Amino acid sequence: MKKTNSKKIEQFIRVDHAGERGAVKIYEGQLLALKTICKNSNLEKTIEEMKIHEIKHKNYFEEEIKKRKIKPTKLLPLWDLLGVGLGFGSTILGKEAAMLCTASVEEVIDEHYKSQIEQLGSDEKDLKNKIIEFREDELHHKDIAYEKGATKKGLYSILDKIIKTGSKAAIKISERV
């Protein structure tokens, strides 16, 4: 029976909590732009639906943090601000950029969750099953984003790289701080 290192579990839960909270903040920023500047009720509905999943994920990791007495990352206020800013900024650039934001983040999260799933031992079966479930939700969000217009053509390829680099950096920092 493979047992998972407790320090690694703490890192997983800390970073996953920060990431899911960040996803909620990105969607909040996108919705703020859609309700004030960009006015797109179809896109607003899509984002509201994806946000519901992210809130469920965030709530799960918040409960794990409390139950296991894990300290969340000290950078939550910064991640909140950056998440809202990324969501708002990508949306005012247009529907393609807003959906690319979702697709880019979800592609990073897919790899992140996949790595965690591979590392979790049988002693963390419940956590592993939740991460598997949440990864499926994230892959679904990525598919929706591409169906709704996400693209990496032209200058969007630069935006994709910026978002992915920022997401990967936030993961690494949140594991430690």
N, C-alpha and C. Protein backbone atom coordinates (compact mmCIF):
# COMPACT_ATOMS: atom_id res chain seq x y z
N MET A 1 0.84 -1.18 0.00
CA MET A 1 0.00 0.00 0.00
C MET A 1 0.89 1.25 0.00
N LYS A 2 0.75 2.04 -1.04
CA LYS A 2 1.54 3.26 -1.18
C LYS A 2 0.98 4.35 -0.27
N LYS A 3 1.83 4.90 0.60
CA LYS A 3 1.42 5.96 1.53
C LYS A 3 1.98 7.28 1.03
N THR A 4 1.14 8.33 1.12
CA THR A 4 1.53 9.65 0.62
C THR A 4 2.13 10.47 1.75
N ASN A 5 3.23 11.12 1.46
CA ASN A 5 3.92 12.00 2.40
C ASN A 5 2.97 13.11 2.88
N SER A 6 2.89 13.33 4.20
CA SER A 6 1.93 14.31 4.74
C SER A 6 2.27 15.74 4.31
N LYS A 7 3.56 16.05 4.16
CA LYS A 7 3.95 17.39 3.69
C LYS A 7 3.45 17.61 2.26
N LYS A 8 3.52 16.59 1.45
CA LYS A 8 3.04 16.67 0.07
C LYS A 8 1.52 16.89 0.04
N ILE A 9 0.80 16.19 0.93
CA ILE A 9 -0.65 16.36 1.01
C ILE A 9 -0.98 17.80 1.38
N GLU A 10 -0.25 18.36 2.34
CA GLU A 10 -0.47 19.75 2.73
C GLU A 10 -0.27 20.68 1.53
N GLN A 11 0.79 20.45 0.78
CA GLN A 11 1.05 21.27 -0.41
C GLN A 11 -0.09 21.14 -1.41
N PHE A 12 -0.51 19.91 -1.67
CA PHE A 12 -1.59 19.66 -2.63
C PHE A 12 -2.84 20.44 -2.24
N ILE A 13 -3.23 20.31 -0.99
CA ILE A 13 -4.48 20.93 -0.55
C ILE A 13 -4.34 22.46 -0.53
N ARG A 14 -3.20 22.96 -0.07
CA ARG A 14 -2.98 24.42 -0.04
C ARG A 14 -3.06 25.02 -1.45
N VAL A 15 -2.37 24.41 -2.39
CA VAL A 15 -2.33 24.96 -3.74
C VAL A 15 -3.66 24.74 -4.46
N ASP A 16 -4.32 23.62 -4.22
CA ASP A 16 -5.61 23.37 -4.87
C ASP A 16 -6.67 24.33 -4.35
N HIS A 17 -6.62 24.61 -3.07
CA HIS A 17 -7.55 25.59 -2.49
C HIS A 17 -7.32 26.95 -3.13
N ALA A 18 -6.06 27.37 -3.20
CA ALA A 18 -5.74 28.67 -3.80
C ALA A 18 -6.16 28.71 -5.26
N GLY A 19 -5.93 27.62 -5.98
CA GLY A 19 -6.27 27.56 -7.40
C GLY A 19 -7.76 27.61 -7.65
N GLU A 20 -8.51 26.87 -6.87
CA GLU A 20 -9.96 26.87 -7.06
C GLU A 20 -10.56 28.22 -6.65
N ARG A 21 -10.02 28.80 -5.59
CA ARG A 21 -10.46 30.14 -5.21
C ARG A 21 -10.10 31.13 -6.31
N GLY A 22 -8.90 30.97 -6.89
CA GLY A 22 -8.49 31.83 -8.00
C GLY A 22 -9.42 31.70 -9.19
N ALA A 23 -9.86 30.48 -9.48
CA ALA A 23 -10.79 30.26 -10.60
C ALA A 23 -12.11 30.99 -10.35
N VAL A 24 -12.59 30.93 -9.12
CA VAL A 24 -13.82 31.66 -8.78
C VAL A 24 -13.61 33.16 -9.02
N LYS A 25 -12.46 33.67 -8.60
CA LYS A 25 -12.17 35.11 -8.76
C LYS A 25 -12.05 35.49 -10.23
N ILE A 26 -11.44 34.63 -11.04
CA ILE A 26 -11.36 34.91 -12.48
C ILE A 26 -12.77 35.03 -13.06
N TYR A 27 -13.63 34.08 -12.72
CA TYR A 27 -15.01 34.14 -13.22
C TYR A 27 -15.74 35.37 -12.68
N GLU A 28 -15.48 35.74 -11.43
CA GLU A 28 -16.09 36.96 -10.89
C GLU A 28 -15.66 38.19 -11.69
N GLY A 29 -14.38 38.25 -12.05
CA GLY A 29 -13.88 39.35 -12.87
C GLY A 29 -14.51 39.36 -14.25
N GLN A 30 -14.65 38.18 -14.84
CA GLN A 30 -15.28 38.09 -16.15
C GLN A 30 -16.74 38.54 -16.08
N LEU A 31 -17.42 38.10 -15.05
CA LEU A 31 -18.84 38.47 -14.90
C LEU A 31 -18.99 39.97 -14.65
N LEU A 32 -18.08 40.55 -13.90
CA LEU A 32 -18.11 42.00 -13.67
C LEU A 32 -18.00 42.75 -15.01
N ALA A 33 -17.07 42.32 -15.85
CA ALA A 33 -16.91 42.95 -17.16
C ALA A 33 -18.15 42.74 -18.03
N LEU A 34 -18.71 41.54 -17.98
CA LEU A 34 -19.89 41.23 -18.80
C LEU A 34 -21.13 41.98 -18.34
N LYS A 35 -21.22 42.28 -17.07
CA LYS A 35 -22.40 42.97 -16.54
C LYS A 35 -22.28 44.49 -16.64
N THR A 36 -21.06 44.99 -16.82
CA THR A 36 -20.86 46.45 -16.82
C THR A 36 -20.42 47.03 -18.16
N ILE A 37 -19.55 46.32 -18.87
CA ILE A 37 -18.95 46.89 -20.08
C ILE A 37 -19.29 46.12 -21.34
N CYS A 38 -19.16 44.81 -21.29
CA CYS A 38 -19.21 44.00 -22.52
C CYS A 38 -20.59 43.46 -22.87
N LYS A 39 -21.48 43.34 -21.94
CA LYS A 39 -22.87 42.91 -22.16
C LYS A 39 -23.00 41.75 -23.16
N ASN A 40 -22.88 40.54 -22.63
CA ASN A 40 -23.07 39.34 -23.45
C ASN A 40 -23.77 38.32 -22.56
N SER A 41 -25.08 38.25 -22.63
CA SER A 41 -25.85 37.40 -21.72
C SER A 41 -25.58 35.91 -21.95
N ASN A 42 -25.30 35.50 -23.18
CA ASN A 42 -24.98 34.08 -23.44
C ASN A 42 -23.68 33.68 -22.75
N LEU A 43 -22.67 34.52 -22.92
CA LEU A 43 -21.37 34.24 -22.29
C LEU A 43 -21.50 34.32 -20.77
N GLU A 44 -22.27 35.27 -20.30
CA GLU A 44 -22.50 35.42 -18.87
C GLU A 44 -23.09 34.13 -18.28
N LYS A 45 -24.07 33.56 -18.97
CA LYS A 45 -24.72 32.32 -18.51
C LYS A 45 -23.71 31.17 -18.47
N THR A 46 -22.89 31.06 -19.49
CA THR A 46 -21.87 30.00 -19.55
C THR A 46 -20.89 30.13 -18.39
N ILE A 47 -20.43 31.34 -18.14
CA ILE A 47 -19.46 31.57 -17.07
C ILE A 47 -20.09 31.32 -15.70
N GLU A 48 -21.32 31.74 -15.53
CA GLU A 48 -22.03 31.47 -14.26
C GLU A 48 -22.09 29.97 -13.98
N GLU A 49 -22.36 29.18 -15.01
CA GLU A 49 -22.45 27.72 -14.84
C GLU A 49 -21.09 27.13 -14.46
N MET A 50 -20.01 27.59 -15.09
CA MET A 50 -18.68 27.07 -14.76
C MET A 50 -18.28 27.52 -13.36
N LYS A 51 -18.67 28.73 -12.98
CA LYS A 51 -18.34 29.26 -11.65
C LYS A 51 -18.95 28.39 -10.56
N ILE A 52 -20.13 27.85 -10.79
CA ILE A 52 -20.78 26.98 -9.80
C ILE A 52 -19.89 25.77 -9.48
N HIS A 53 -19.28 25.17 -10.50
CA HIS A 53 -18.36 24.04 -10.27
C HIS A 53 -17.16 24.48 -9.45
N GLU A 54 -16.61 25.65 -9.81
CA GLU A 54 -15.41 26.12 -9.12
C GLU A 54 -15.70 26.42 -7.64
N ILE A 55 -16.89 26.92 -7.35
CA ILE A 55 -17.27 27.18 -5.96
C ILE A 55 -17.34 25.85 -5.20
N LYS A 56 -17.89 24.84 -5.83
CA LYS A 56 -17.97 23.50 -5.21
C LYS A 56 -16.56 22.99 -4.92
N HIS A 57 -15.65 23.13 -5.87
CA HIS A 57 -14.26 22.69 -5.67
C HIS A 57 -13.61 23.47 -4.53
N LYS A 58 -13.76 24.78 -4.56
CA LYS A 58 -13.17 25.65 -3.53
C LYS A 58 -13.68 25.26 -2.15
N ASN A 59 -14.99 25.05 -2.04
CA ASN A 59 -15.57 24.69 -0.75
C ASN A 59 -15.02 23.37 -0.22
N TYR A 60 -14.82 22.41 -1.12
CA TYR A 60 -14.24 21.13 -0.70
C TYR A 60 -12.85 21.35 -0.10
N PHE A 61 -12.00 22.11 -0.80
CA PHE A 61 -10.64 22.32 -0.30
C PHE A 61 -10.63 23.19 0.96
N GLU A 62 -11.56 24.10 1.10
CA GLU A 62 -11.66 24.88 2.34
C GLU A 62 -11.97 23.96 3.52
N GLU A 63 -12.86 23.00 3.30
CA GLU A 63 -13.18 22.04 4.36
C GLU A 63 -11.96 21.17 4.71
N GLU A 64 -11.21 20.76 3.68
CA GLU A 64 -10.01 19.96 3.92
C GLU A 64 -8.97 20.76 4.71
N ILE A 65 -8.83 22.04 4.39
CA ILE A 65 -7.90 22.90 5.12
C ILE A 65 -8.27 22.96 6.60
N LYS A 66 -9.56 23.14 6.86
CA LYS A 66 -10.02 23.20 8.26
C LYS A 66 -9.85 21.85 8.95
N LYS A 67 -10.32 20.81 8.30
CA LYS A 67 -10.30 19.47 8.88
C LYS A 67 -8.87 19.01 9.19
N ARG A 68 -7.94 19.30 8.29
CA ARG A 68 -6.56 18.82 8.44
C ARG A 68 -5.64 19.85 9.10
N LYS A 69 -6.22 21.00 9.45
CA LYS A 69 -5.46 22.08 10.10
C LYS A 69 -4.23 22.51 9.27
N ILE A 70 -4.50 22.78 8.00
CA ILE A 70 -3.47 23.23 7.06
C ILE A 70 -3.59 24.74 6.91
N LYS A 71 -2.46 25.41 6.91
CA LYS A 71 -2.48 26.85 6.71
C LYS A 71 -2.62 27.14 5.22
N PRO A 72 -3.62 27.95 4.84
CA PRO A 72 -3.73 28.33 3.42
C PRO A 72 -2.54 29.21 3.03
N THR A 73 -2.34 29.37 1.75
CA THR A 73 -1.26 30.24 1.30
C THR A 73 -1.48 31.65 1.84
N LYS A 74 -0.40 32.29 2.20
CA LYS A 74 -0.47 33.67 2.72
C LYS A 74 -0.79 34.66 1.60
N LEU A 75 -0.74 34.20 0.38
CA LEU A 75 -0.93 35.10 -0.76
C LEU A 75 -2.36 35.14 -1.30
N LEU A 76 -3.31 34.57 -0.56
CA LEU A 76 -4.69 34.57 -1.04
C LEU A 76 -5.20 35.96 -1.45
N PRO A 77 -4.95 37.01 -0.66
CA PRO A 77 -5.44 38.33 -1.08
C PRO A 77 -4.84 38.78 -2.42
N LEU A 78 -3.57 38.49 -2.65
CA LEU A 78 -2.94 38.83 -3.92
C LEU A 78 -3.53 38.00 -5.05
N TRP A 79 -3.70 36.70 -4.83
CA TRP A 79 -4.28 35.84 -5.87
C TRP A 79 -5.71 36.28 -6.19
N ASP A 80 -6.46 36.70 -5.16
CA ASP A 80 -7.83 37.19 -5.39
C ASP A 80 -7.81 38.39 -6.34
N LEU A 81 -6.95 39.33 -6.03
CA LEU A 81 -6.84 40.55 -6.84
C LEU A 81 -6.41 40.23 -8.27
N LEU A 82 -5.39 39.40 -8.40
CA LEU A 82 -4.91 39.04 -9.74
C LEU A 82 -5.95 38.24 -10.51
N GLY A 83 -6.69 37.38 -9.82
CA GLY A 83 -7.74 36.59 -10.48
C GLY A 83 -8.83 37.48 -11.05
N VAL A 84 -9.34 38.39 -10.22
CA VAL A 84 -10.38 39.32 -10.69
C VAL A 84 -9.84 40.16 -11.86
N GLY A 85 -8.60 40.63 -11.72
CA GLY A 85 -7.99 41.43 -12.78
C GLY A 85 -7.83 40.65 -14.08
N LEU A 86 -7.39 39.41 -13.98
CA LEU A 86 -7.23 38.57 -15.18
C LEU A 86 -8.59 38.32 -15.84
N GLY A 87 -9.58 38.00 -15.04
CA GLY A 87 -10.91 37.75 -15.60
C GLY A 87 -11.48 38.99 -16.26
N PHE A 88 -11.40 40.11 -15.58
CA PHE A 88 -11.94 41.36 -16.11
C PHE A 88 -11.18 41.77 -17.37
N GLY A 89 -9.84 41.75 -17.26
CA GLY A 89 -9.00 42.19 -18.39
C GLY A 89 -9.17 41.32 -19.62
N SER A 90 -9.23 40.01 -19.43
CA SER A 90 -9.38 39.13 -20.60
C SER A 90 -10.74 39.34 -21.25
N THR A 91 -11.75 39.62 -20.46
CA THR A 91 -13.10 39.78 -21.01
C THR A 91 -13.27 41.08 -21.76
N ILE A 92 -12.64 42.14 -21.30
CA ILE A 92 -12.77 43.40 -22.05
C ILE A 92 -12.00 43.34 -23.37
N LEU A 93 -11.11 42.36 -23.49
CA LEU A 93 -10.42 42.15 -24.78
C LEU A 93 -11.32 41.44 -25.79
N GLY A 94 -12.41 40.84 -25.30
CA GLY A 94 -13.34 40.18 -26.20
C GLY A 94 -13.62 38.74 -25.79
N LYS A 95 -14.64 38.20 -26.41
CA LYS A 95 -15.10 36.84 -26.10
C LYS A 95 -13.99 35.80 -26.30
N GLU A 96 -13.22 35.92 -27.38
CA GLU A 96 -12.16 34.95 -27.66
C GLU A 96 -11.12 34.96 -26.54
N ALA A 97 -10.74 36.16 -26.09
CA ALA A 97 -9.75 36.27 -25.02
C ALA A 97 -10.31 35.75 -23.70
N ALA A 98 -11.57 36.04 -23.42
CA ALA A 98 -12.20 35.54 -22.19
C ALA A 98 -12.20 34.02 -22.17
N MET A 99 -12.58 33.43 -23.29
CA MET A 99 -12.64 31.97 -23.36
C MET A 99 -11.24 31.36 -23.39
N LEU A 100 -10.28 32.07 -23.99
CA LEU A 100 -8.90 31.59 -23.97
C LEU A 100 -8.38 31.58 -22.54
N CYS A 101 -8.75 32.57 -21.76
CA CYS A 101 -8.35 32.62 -20.36
C CYS A 101 -8.77 31.33 -19.66
N THR A 102 -10.01 30.94 -19.84
CA THR A 102 -10.51 29.69 -19.25
C THR A 102 -9.73 28.50 -19.80
N ALA A 103 -9.59 28.40 -21.10
CA ALA A 103 -8.90 27.25 -21.71
C ALA A 103 -7.46 27.15 -21.23
N SER A 104 -6.76 28.27 -21.19
CA SER A 104 -5.34 28.26 -20.79
C SER A 104 -5.17 27.82 -19.35
N VAL A 105 -5.99 28.38 -18.46
CA VAL A 105 -5.92 28.00 -17.05
C VAL A 105 -6.26 26.52 -16.89
N GLU A 106 -7.30 26.07 -17.56
CA GLU A 106 -7.72 24.67 -17.43
C GLU A 106 -6.67 23.70 -17.97
N GLU A 107 -5.94 24.09 -19.00
CA GLU A 107 -4.88 23.23 -19.52
C GLU A 107 -3.76 23.06 -18.49
N VAL A 108 -3.44 24.12 -17.78
CA VAL A 108 -2.43 24.03 -16.71
C VAL A 108 -2.97 23.16 -15.57
N ILE A 109 -4.23 23.38 -15.19
CA ILE A 109 -4.82 22.63 -14.09
C ILE A 109 -4.94 21.14 -14.43
N ASP A 110 -5.24 20.84 -15.67
CA ASP A 110 -5.30 19.44 -16.11
C ASP A 110 -3.99 18.73 -15.78
N GLU A 111 -2.88 19.31 -16.20
CA GLU A 111 -1.57 18.71 -15.94
C GLU A 111 -1.26 18.65 -14.45
N HIS A 112 -1.63 19.72 -13.75
CA HIS A 112 -1.40 19.81 -12.30
C HIS A 112 -2.16 18.70 -11.56
N TYR A 113 -3.44 18.57 -11.85
CA TYR A 113 -4.25 17.54 -11.19
C TYR A 113 -3.80 16.14 -11.60
N LYS A 114 -3.43 15.97 -12.85
CA LYS A 114 -2.96 14.67 -13.35
C LYS A 114 -1.72 14.23 -12.55
N SER A 115 -0.81 15.16 -12.32
CA SER A 115 0.40 14.87 -11.55
C SER A 115 0.04 14.49 -10.11
N GLN A 116 -0.89 15.22 -9.51
CA GLN A 116 -1.29 14.91 -8.14
C GLN A 116 -1.93 13.52 -8.06
N ILE A 117 -2.78 13.21 -8.99
CA ILE A 117 -3.46 11.91 -9.02
C ILE A 117 -2.44 10.78 -9.05
N GLU A 118 -1.39 10.96 -9.86
CA GLU A 118 -0.34 9.95 -9.98
C GLU A 118 0.45 9.80 -8.68
N GLN A 119 0.58 10.88 -7.91
CA GLN A 119 1.38 10.85 -6.69
C GLN A 119 0.62 10.39 -5.45
N LEU A 120 -0.71 10.48 -5.48
CA LEU A 120 -1.49 10.14 -4.30
C LEU A 120 -1.54 8.62 -4.09
N GLY A 121 -1.30 8.22 -2.83
CA GLY A 121 -1.33 6.82 -2.49
C GLY A 121 -2.73 6.35 -2.11
N SER A 122 -2.83 5.05 -1.84
CA SER A 122 -4.12 4.47 -1.49
C SER A 122 -4.62 4.95 -0.13
N ASP A 123 -3.74 5.56 0.66
CA ASP A 123 -4.14 6.11 1.95
C ASP A 123 -4.94 7.41 1.80
N GLU A 124 -4.95 7.97 0.60
CA GLU A 124 -5.68 9.22 0.33
C GLU A 124 -6.70 9.01 -0.78
N LYS A 125 -7.43 7.90 -0.67
CA LYS A 125 -8.39 7.52 -1.71
C LYS A 125 -9.48 8.57 -1.93
N ASP A 126 -10.03 9.13 -0.84
CA ASP A 126 -11.10 10.12 -0.97
C ASP A 126 -10.60 11.39 -1.66
N LEU A 127 -9.43 11.87 -1.23
CA LEU A 127 -8.84 13.06 -1.85
C LEU A 127 -8.56 12.81 -3.33
N LYS A 128 -8.00 11.66 -3.62
CA LYS A 128 -7.69 11.29 -5.00
C LYS A 128 -8.95 11.27 -5.86
N ASN A 129 -10.03 10.67 -5.34
CA ASN A 129 -11.29 10.61 -6.09
C ASN A 129 -11.87 12.00 -6.33
N LYS A 130 -11.75 12.89 -5.35
CA LYS A 130 -12.24 14.26 -5.54
C LYS A 130 -11.42 14.98 -6.62
N ILE A 131 -10.12 14.81 -6.58
CA ILE A 131 -9.27 15.47 -7.58
C ILE A 131 -9.57 14.90 -8.97
N ILE A 132 -9.82 13.61 -9.07
CA ILE A 132 -10.21 13.01 -10.36
C ILE A 132 -11.52 13.65 -10.84
N GLU A 133 -12.48 13.77 -9.95
CA GLU A 133 -13.78 14.38 -10.29
C GLU A 133 -13.60 15.84 -10.73
N PHE A 134 -12.81 16.59 -9.96
CA PHE A 134 -12.62 18.00 -10.28
C PHE A 134 -11.85 18.17 -11.59
N ARG A 135 -10.91 17.28 -11.86
CA ARG A 135 -10.17 17.33 -13.13
C ARG A 135 -11.13 17.16 -14.31
N GLU A 136 -12.09 16.26 -14.17
CA GLU A 136 -13.09 16.06 -15.23
C GLU A 136 -13.89 17.34 -15.46
N ASP A 137 -14.28 18.02 -14.38
CA ASP A 137 -14.98 19.30 -14.51
C ASP A 137 -14.12 20.31 -15.26
N GLU A 138 -12.83 20.36 -14.91
CA GLU A 138 -11.93 21.33 -15.54
C GLU A 138 -11.76 21.03 -17.03
N LEU A 139 -11.65 19.76 -17.37
CA LEU A 139 -11.55 19.38 -18.79
C LEU A 139 -12.82 19.77 -19.54
N HIS A 140 -13.94 19.62 -18.89
CA HIS A 140 -15.22 20.03 -19.49
C HIS A 140 -15.23 21.55 -19.72
N HIS A 141 -14.74 22.31 -18.74
CA HIS A 141 -14.67 23.78 -18.89
C HIS A 141 -13.78 24.15 -20.08
N LYS A 142 -12.66 23.44 -20.22
CA LYS A 142 -11.75 23.71 -21.35
C LYS A 142 -12.47 23.46 -22.67
N ASP A 143 -13.20 22.36 -22.76
CA ASP A 143 -13.95 22.04 -23.98
C ASP A 143 -14.99 23.12 -24.29
N ILE A 144 -15.69 23.56 -23.26
CA ILE A 144 -16.68 24.63 -23.43
C ILE A 144 -16.01 25.89 -23.95
N ALA A 145 -14.86 26.22 -23.38
CA ALA A 145 -14.15 27.43 -23.79
C ALA A 145 -13.80 27.40 -25.28
N TYR A 146 -13.34 26.25 -25.76
CA TYR A 146 -13.02 26.15 -27.19
C TYR A 146 -14.29 26.18 -28.04
N GLU A 147 -15.36 25.57 -27.56
CA GLU A 147 -16.64 25.62 -28.29
C GLU A 147 -17.16 27.05 -28.39
N LYS A 148 -16.86 27.87 -27.37
CA LYS A 148 -17.38 29.25 -27.31
C LYS A 148 -16.42 30.27 -27.92
N GLY A 149 -15.33 29.81 -28.53
CA GLY A 149 -14.50 30.75 -29.27
C GLY A 149 -13.07 30.93 -28.85
N ALA A 150 -12.59 30.20 -27.84
CA ALA A 150 -11.18 30.32 -27.46
C ALA A 150 -10.31 29.97 -28.67
N THR A 151 -9.26 30.74 -28.84
CA THR A 151 -8.33 30.49 -29.94
C THR A 151 -6.92 30.86 -29.50
N LYS A 152 -5.94 30.21 -30.12
CA LYS A 152 -4.53 30.54 -29.86
C LYS A 152 -3.88 31.11 -31.11
N LYS A 153 -4.70 31.52 -32.06
CA LYS A 153 -4.18 32.06 -33.31
C LYS A 153 -3.69 33.50 -33.11
N GLY A 154 -2.67 33.85 -33.87
CA GLY A 154 -2.17 35.23 -33.84
C GLY A 154 -1.69 35.66 -32.47
N LEU A 155 -2.08 36.87 -32.08
CA LEU A 155 -1.65 37.42 -30.80
C LEU A 155 -2.21 36.66 -29.59
N TYR A 156 -3.27 35.89 -29.82
CA TYR A 156 -3.83 35.10 -28.72
C TYR A 156 -2.82 34.09 -28.20
N SER A 157 -1.86 33.67 -29.05
CA SER A 157 -0.84 32.72 -28.60
C SER A 157 0.02 33.34 -27.50
N ILE A 158 0.23 34.64 -27.57
CA ILE A 158 1.01 35.33 -26.54
C ILE A 158 0.21 35.38 -25.24
N LEU A 159 -1.07 35.71 -25.34
CA LEU A 159 -1.93 35.73 -24.16
C LEU A 159 -1.96 34.35 -23.50
N ASP A 160 -2.05 33.30 -24.30
CA ASP A 160 -2.03 31.94 -23.78
C ASP A 160 -0.77 31.69 -22.97
N LYS A 161 0.37 32.07 -23.50
CA LYS A 161 1.65 31.85 -22.81
C LYS A 161 1.73 32.66 -21.51
N ILE A 162 1.24 33.88 -21.54
CA ILE A 162 1.25 34.72 -20.34
C ILE A 162 0.39 34.10 -19.24
N ILE A 163 -0.81 33.69 -19.60
CA ILE A 163 -1.74 33.10 -18.63
C ILE A 163 -1.17 31.80 -18.06
N LYS A 164 -0.63 30.96 -18.93
CA LYS A 164 -0.07 29.69 -18.46
C LYS A 164 1.14 29.90 -17.57
N THR A 165 2.01 30.83 -17.93
CA THR A 165 3.19 31.11 -17.11
C THR A 165 2.77 31.63 -15.74
N GLY A 166 1.81 32.54 -15.72
CA GLY A 166 1.31 33.06 -14.44
C GLY A 166 0.67 31.98 -13.59
N SER A 167 -0.09 31.11 -14.22
CA SER A 167 -0.76 30.03 -13.48
C SER A 167 0.26 29.06 -12.88
N LYS A 168 1.27 28.71 -13.66
CA LYS A 168 2.30 27.80 -13.17
C LYS A 168 3.10 28.43 -12.03
N ALA A 169 3.38 29.71 -12.16
CA ALA A 169 4.11 30.43 -11.10
C ALA A 169 3.28 30.46 -9.82
N ALA A 170 1.98 30.74 -9.94
CA ALA A 170 1.11 30.79 -8.77
C ALA A 170 1.05 29.43 -8.08
N ILE A 171 1.07 28.35 -8.84
CA ILE A 171 1.06 27.00 -8.27
C ILE A 171 2.33 26.79 -7.46
N LYS A 172 3.47 27.07 -8.06
CA LYS A 172 4.77 26.84 -7.39
C LYS A 172 4.87 27.68 -6.12
N ILE A 173 4.48 28.93 -6.20
CA ILE A 173 4.57 29.82 -5.03
C ILE A 173 3.61 29.37 -3.93
N SER A 174 2.39 29.00 -4.30
CA SER A 174 1.38 28.60 -3.31
C SER A 174 1.74 27.30 -2.62
N GLU A 175 2.52 26.46 -3.27
CA GLU A 175 2.96 25.22 -2.61
C GLU A 175 3.85 25.52 -1.42
N ARG A 176 4.58 26.63 -1.48
CA ARG A 176 5.58 26.93 -0.48
C ARG A 176 5.21 28.02 0.51
N VAL A 177 4.40 28.98 0.07
CA VAL A 177 4.12 30.16 0.92
C VAL A 177 2.71 30.13 1.46
